[in-house]
N, C-alpha and C. Protein backbone atom coordinates (compact mmCIF):
# COMPACT_ATOMS: atom_id res chain seq x y z
N UNK A 1 82.22 111.33 122.22
CA UNK A 1 82.51 111.88 120.92
C UNK A 1 83.65 112.89 121.03
N UNK A 2 84.48 112.90 120.02
CA UNK A 2 85.60 113.82 119.97
C UNK A 2 85.55 114.58 118.66
N UNK A 3 85.84 115.85 118.68
CA UNK A 3 85.85 116.63 117.45
C UNK A 3 87.23 116.60 116.83
N UNK A 4 87.25 116.44 115.50
CA UNK A 4 88.51 116.50 114.77
C UNK A 4 88.82 117.96 114.45
N UNK A 5 89.97 118.21 113.86
CA UNK A 5 90.34 119.58 113.52
C UNK A 5 89.37 120.21 112.52
N UNK A 6 88.68 119.38 111.75
CA UNK A 6 87.71 119.90 110.79
C UNK A 6 86.35 120.14 111.43
N UNK A 7 86.20 119.77 112.72
CA UNK A 7 84.94 119.97 113.41
C UNK A 7 84.05 118.74 113.41
N UNK A 8 84.44 117.69 112.66
CA UNK A 8 83.65 116.46 112.62
C UNK A 8 83.82 115.72 113.94
N UNK A 9 82.80 114.94 114.30
CA UNK A 9 82.89 114.16 115.53
C UNK A 9 83.23 112.72 115.21
N UNK A 10 84.09 112.13 116.03
CA UNK A 10 84.46 110.72 115.90
C UNK A 10 84.00 109.99 117.15
N UNK A 11 83.22 108.92 116.99
CA UNK A 11 82.78 108.18 118.17
C UNK A 11 83.91 107.36 118.75
N UNK A 12 84.00 107.34 120.08
CA UNK A 12 84.90 106.42 120.73
C UNK A 12 86.37 106.76 120.69
N UNK A 13 86.74 107.96 120.36
CA UNK A 13 88.15 108.31 120.30
C UNK A 13 88.39 109.59 121.08
N UNK A 14 89.56 109.72 121.64
CA UNK A 14 90.03 111.00 122.12
C UNK A 14 91.55 110.99 121.97
N UNK A 15 92.16 112.12 122.17
CA UNK A 15 93.60 112.20 121.98
C UNK A 15 94.32 111.33 122.99
N UNK A 16 95.31 110.61 122.51
CA UNK A 16 96.15 109.82 123.41
C UNK A 16 97.04 110.78 124.18
N UNK A 17 97.21 110.56 125.46
CA UNK A 17 97.99 111.50 126.26
C UNK A 17 99.46 111.54 125.82
N UNK A 18 99.98 112.75 125.64
CA UNK A 18 101.38 112.94 125.33
C UNK A 18 101.80 112.60 123.93
N UNK A 19 100.84 112.28 123.04
CA UNK A 19 101.19 111.91 121.68
C UNK A 19 100.34 112.75 120.73
N UNK A 20 100.95 113.74 120.13
CA UNK A 20 100.23 114.63 119.24
C UNK A 20 99.67 113.88 118.04
N UNK A 21 98.41 114.04 117.79
CA UNK A 21 97.76 113.43 116.64
C UNK A 21 97.36 111.98 116.81
N UNK A 22 97.78 111.32 117.89
CA UNK A 22 97.43 109.91 118.11
C UNK A 22 96.05 109.82 118.74
N UNK A 23 95.38 108.73 118.49
CA UNK A 23 94.06 108.49 119.05
C UNK A 23 94.08 107.24 119.90
N UNK A 24 93.17 107.15 120.83
CA UNK A 24 92.98 105.92 121.59
C UNK A 24 91.49 105.68 121.70
N UNK A 25 91.11 104.42 121.89
CA UNK A 25 89.72 104.07 122.06
C UNK A 25 89.34 104.32 123.51
N UNK A 26 88.19 104.96 123.69
CA UNK A 26 87.74 105.22 125.06
C UNK A 26 86.39 104.59 125.35
N UNK A 27 85.66 104.25 124.31
CA UNK A 27 84.33 103.67 124.48
C UNK A 27 84.37 102.18 124.17
N UNK A 28 83.23 101.58 124.19
CA UNK A 28 83.08 100.19 123.81
C UNK A 28 83.55 100.03 122.37
N UNK A 29 84.42 99.07 122.12
CA UNK A 29 84.98 98.88 120.79
C UNK A 29 83.89 98.60 119.75
N UNK A 30 82.76 98.03 120.17
CA UNK A 30 81.68 97.75 119.23
C UNK A 30 81.03 99.03 118.70
N UNK A 31 81.22 100.16 119.39
CA UNK A 31 80.73 101.42 118.85
C UNK A 31 81.59 101.89 117.70
N UNK A 32 82.83 101.46 117.67
CA UNK A 32 83.75 101.85 116.61
C UNK A 32 83.76 100.81 115.51
N UNK A 33 83.81 99.53 115.89
CA UNK A 33 83.81 98.44 114.93
C UNK A 33 82.59 97.57 115.18
N UNK A 34 81.70 97.45 114.21
CA UNK A 34 80.50 96.62 114.40
C UNK A 34 80.87 95.18 114.77
N UNK A 35 80.06 94.57 115.61
CA UNK A 35 80.35 93.22 116.08
C UNK A 35 80.39 92.21 114.94
N UNK A 36 79.74 92.51 113.83
CA UNK A 36 79.77 91.61 112.68
C UNK A 36 81.19 91.43 112.16
N UNK A 37 82.07 92.38 112.45
CA UNK A 37 83.45 92.32 111.96
C UNK A 37 84.45 91.96 113.06
N UNK A 38 83.97 91.67 114.25
CA UNK A 38 84.87 91.42 115.39
C UNK A 38 85.80 90.25 115.14
N UNK A 39 85.29 89.16 114.60
CA UNK A 39 86.13 87.98 114.34
C UNK A 39 87.21 88.31 113.32
N UNK A 40 86.84 89.03 112.26
CA UNK A 40 87.83 89.42 111.25
C UNK A 40 88.89 90.34 111.84
N UNK A 41 88.48 91.25 112.71
CA UNK A 41 89.43 92.15 113.35
C UNK A 41 90.41 91.39 114.23
N UNK A 42 89.93 90.38 114.93
CA UNK A 42 90.81 89.57 115.77
C UNK A 42 91.83 88.82 114.92
N UNK A 43 91.39 88.27 113.81
CA UNK A 43 92.31 87.57 112.90
C UNK A 43 93.33 88.56 112.34
N UNK A 44 92.87 89.72 111.93
CA UNK A 44 93.78 90.73 111.38
C UNK A 44 94.81 91.17 112.41
N UNK A 45 94.36 91.37 113.64
CA UNK A 45 95.29 91.78 114.70
C UNK A 45 96.30 90.67 114.99
N UNK A 46 95.84 89.45 115.06
CA UNK A 46 96.76 88.32 115.30
C UNK A 46 97.78 88.21 114.19
N UNK A 47 97.33 88.32 112.95
CA UNK A 47 98.25 88.22 111.80
C UNK A 47 99.24 89.38 111.81
N UNK A 48 98.78 90.58 112.13
CA UNK A 48 99.68 91.73 112.15
C UNK A 48 100.74 91.59 113.23
N UNK A 49 100.33 91.17 114.41
CA UNK A 49 101.28 91.02 115.52
C UNK A 49 102.30 89.92 115.20
N UNK A 50 101.83 88.77 114.77
CA UNK A 50 102.76 87.68 114.48
C UNK A 50 103.64 87.99 113.27
N UNK A 51 103.09 88.68 112.29
CA UNK A 51 103.91 89.11 111.16
C UNK A 51 105.02 90.04 111.60
N UNK A 52 104.69 90.99 112.46
CA UNK A 52 105.70 91.90 112.99
C UNK A 52 106.72 91.19 113.85
N UNK A 53 106.25 90.29 114.69
CA UNK A 53 107.17 89.55 115.57
C UNK A 53 108.15 88.71 114.76
N UNK A 54 107.71 88.20 113.63
CA UNK A 54 108.60 87.36 112.82
C UNK A 54 109.76 88.15 112.22
N UNK A 55 109.64 89.45 112.18
CA UNK A 55 110.72 90.28 111.62
C UNK A 55 111.75 90.69 112.66
N UNK A 56 111.45 90.53 113.94
CA UNK A 56 112.33 91.01 115.00
C UNK A 56 113.73 90.38 114.94
N UNK A 57 113.83 89.14 114.52
CA UNK A 57 115.15 88.50 114.47
C UNK A 57 116.06 89.14 113.42
N UNK A 58 115.48 89.93 112.52
CA UNK A 58 116.27 90.59 111.48
C UNK A 58 116.63 92.03 111.84
N UNK A 59 116.06 92.53 112.94
CA UNK A 59 116.27 93.91 113.34
C UNK A 59 117.75 94.19 113.55
N UNK A 60 118.24 95.20 112.87
CA UNK A 60 119.65 95.63 112.93
C UNK A 60 120.63 94.54 112.52
N UNK A 61 120.17 93.59 111.74
CA UNK A 61 121.04 92.53 111.26
C UNK A 61 121.96 93.09 110.18
N UNK A 62 123.23 92.80 110.32
CA UNK A 62 124.19 93.24 109.31
C UNK A 62 124.21 92.30 108.12
N UNK A 63 123.56 91.16 108.26
CA UNK A 63 123.58 90.18 107.17
C UNK A 63 122.19 89.99 106.54
N UNK A 64 121.34 90.99 106.65
CA UNK A 64 119.99 90.90 106.09
C UNK A 64 120.07 90.78 104.58
N UNK A 65 119.56 89.68 104.06
CA UNK A 65 119.60 89.46 102.61
C UNK A 65 118.48 90.25 101.94
N UNK A 66 118.83 90.91 100.86
CA UNK A 66 117.89 91.69 100.07
C UNK A 66 118.02 91.27 98.62
N UNK A 67 116.90 91.17 97.95
CA UNK A 67 116.89 90.91 96.50
C UNK A 67 115.92 91.88 95.87
N UNK A 68 115.91 91.93 94.57
CA UNK A 68 114.96 92.81 93.87
C UNK A 68 113.95 91.97 93.12
N UNK A 69 112.67 92.25 93.38
CA UNK A 69 111.61 91.58 92.62
C UNK A 69 111.64 92.10 91.20
N UNK A 70 111.89 93.39 91.08
CA UNK A 70 112.07 94.07 89.80
C UNK A 70 112.96 95.27 90.11
N UNK A 71 113.52 95.92 89.08
CA UNK A 71 114.41 97.05 89.36
C UNK A 71 113.74 98.11 90.25
N UNK A 72 114.41 98.44 91.34
CA UNK A 72 113.90 99.44 92.27
C UNK A 72 112.83 98.93 93.21
N UNK A 73 112.60 97.62 93.24
CA UNK A 73 111.56 97.03 94.10
C UNK A 73 112.19 95.96 94.98
N UNK A 74 112.86 96.39 96.07
CA UNK A 74 113.56 95.41 96.92
C UNK A 74 112.62 94.63 97.82
N UNK A 75 113.06 93.44 98.18
CA UNK A 75 112.36 92.61 99.16
C UNK A 75 113.44 91.95 100.02
N UNK A 76 113.20 91.92 101.31
CA UNK A 76 114.18 91.34 102.24
C UNK A 76 113.69 90.02 102.78
N UNK A 77 114.62 89.30 103.41
CA UNK A 77 114.21 88.05 104.05
C UNK A 77 113.25 88.32 105.20
N UNK A 78 113.30 89.50 105.79
CA UNK A 78 112.33 89.88 106.83
C UNK A 78 110.94 90.03 106.21
N UNK A 79 110.87 90.60 105.00
CA UNK A 79 109.59 90.70 104.29
C UNK A 79 109.00 89.31 104.08
N UNK A 80 109.85 88.38 103.63
CA UNK A 80 109.38 87.01 103.38
C UNK A 80 108.93 86.33 104.68
N UNK A 81 109.67 86.54 105.76
CA UNK A 81 109.29 85.94 107.05
C UNK A 81 107.95 86.47 107.53
N UNK A 82 107.76 87.77 107.41
CA UNK A 82 106.49 88.38 107.81
C UNK A 82 105.34 87.85 106.96
N UNK A 83 105.56 87.78 105.66
CA UNK A 83 104.56 87.28 104.73
C UNK A 83 104.15 85.85 105.10
N UNK A 84 105.14 85.01 105.38
CA UNK A 84 104.84 83.61 105.73
C UNK A 84 104.04 83.53 107.03
N UNK A 85 104.39 84.35 108.02
CA UNK A 85 103.67 84.33 109.29
C UNK A 85 102.22 84.79 109.11
N UNK A 86 102.02 85.84 108.35
CA UNK A 86 100.66 86.35 108.11
C UNK A 86 99.84 85.32 107.34
N UNK A 87 100.43 84.73 106.30
CA UNK A 87 99.70 83.73 105.52
C UNK A 87 99.37 82.50 106.34
N UNK A 88 100.25 82.12 107.25
CA UNK A 88 99.98 80.96 108.11
C UNK A 88 98.75 81.20 108.98
N UNK A 89 98.66 82.39 109.56
CA UNK A 89 97.49 82.72 110.38
C UNK A 89 96.23 82.76 109.53
N UNK A 90 96.31 83.42 108.38
CA UNK A 90 95.12 83.54 107.53
C UNK A 90 94.66 82.18 107.03
N UNK A 91 95.58 81.31 106.66
CA UNK A 91 95.16 79.99 106.18
C UNK A 91 94.58 79.14 107.30
N UNK A 92 95.07 79.35 108.52
CA UNK A 92 94.55 78.61 109.67
C UNK A 92 93.18 79.12 110.10
N UNK A 93 93.03 80.44 110.19
CA UNK A 93 91.80 81.05 110.71
C UNK A 93 90.71 81.23 109.64
N UNK A 94 91.12 81.40 108.38
CA UNK A 94 90.17 81.67 107.29
C UNK A 94 90.51 80.80 106.08
N UNK A 95 90.45 79.49 106.23
CA UNK A 95 90.93 78.60 105.17
C UNK A 95 90.19 78.72 103.85
N UNK A 96 88.97 79.20 103.85
CA UNK A 96 88.21 79.31 102.60
C UNK A 96 88.48 80.62 101.86
N UNK A 97 89.18 81.55 102.50
CA UNK A 97 89.41 82.86 101.89
C UNK A 97 90.64 82.85 100.99
N UNK A 98 90.51 83.46 99.82
CA UNK A 98 91.66 83.67 98.95
C UNK A 98 92.43 84.88 99.48
N UNK A 99 93.74 84.81 99.40
CA UNK A 99 94.57 85.89 99.93
C UNK A 99 95.50 86.39 98.83
N UNK A 100 95.50 87.69 98.63
CA UNK A 100 96.41 88.32 97.69
C UNK A 100 97.50 88.99 98.51
N UNK A 101 98.75 88.59 98.28
CA UNK A 101 99.87 89.06 99.07
C UNK A 101 100.96 89.62 98.16
N UNK A 102 101.57 90.69 98.59
CA UNK A 102 102.62 91.33 97.78
C UNK A 102 103.81 90.40 97.56
N UNK A 103 104.12 89.55 98.51
CA UNK A 103 105.32 88.72 98.42
C UNK A 103 105.04 87.29 97.95
N UNK A 104 103.82 87.01 97.53
CA UNK A 104 103.47 85.66 97.08
C UNK A 104 102.82 85.72 95.71
N UNK A 105 102.87 84.61 94.98
CA UNK A 105 102.16 84.60 93.69
C UNK A 105 100.66 84.74 93.92
N UNK A 106 99.94 85.27 92.95
CA UNK A 106 98.48 85.42 93.11
C UNK A 106 97.82 84.04 93.27
N UNK A 107 96.71 84.02 94.04
CA UNK A 107 96.02 82.73 94.21
C UNK A 107 95.43 82.26 92.88
N UNK A 108 95.35 80.96 92.72
CA UNK A 108 94.75 80.43 91.49
C UNK A 108 93.24 80.54 91.60
N UNK A 109 92.60 80.70 90.47
CA UNK A 109 91.13 80.87 90.46
C UNK A 109 90.41 79.58 90.61
């Protein structure tokens, strides 16, 4: 157990070395995340990693295309690539789940 600045205790966390305010897991992950959610967490992690990786080809690109969904609401081709990668994982791993995504039309009922 680790105490927060407010004095509350957090199970399974302590300060990450050399990083102010960062936390790391030190105990069994099931103490932090119940095993009932382990499969969902794995899918979420996979989608997050692949979504992020899909944007790397746009990093520091001088030709990154940007459009506006509405005034003051830009979206880039990197946003679309990430969205597609995340949706691909979710549709593969959780085909029965409806997904609401910022860059896609809402699912039909």
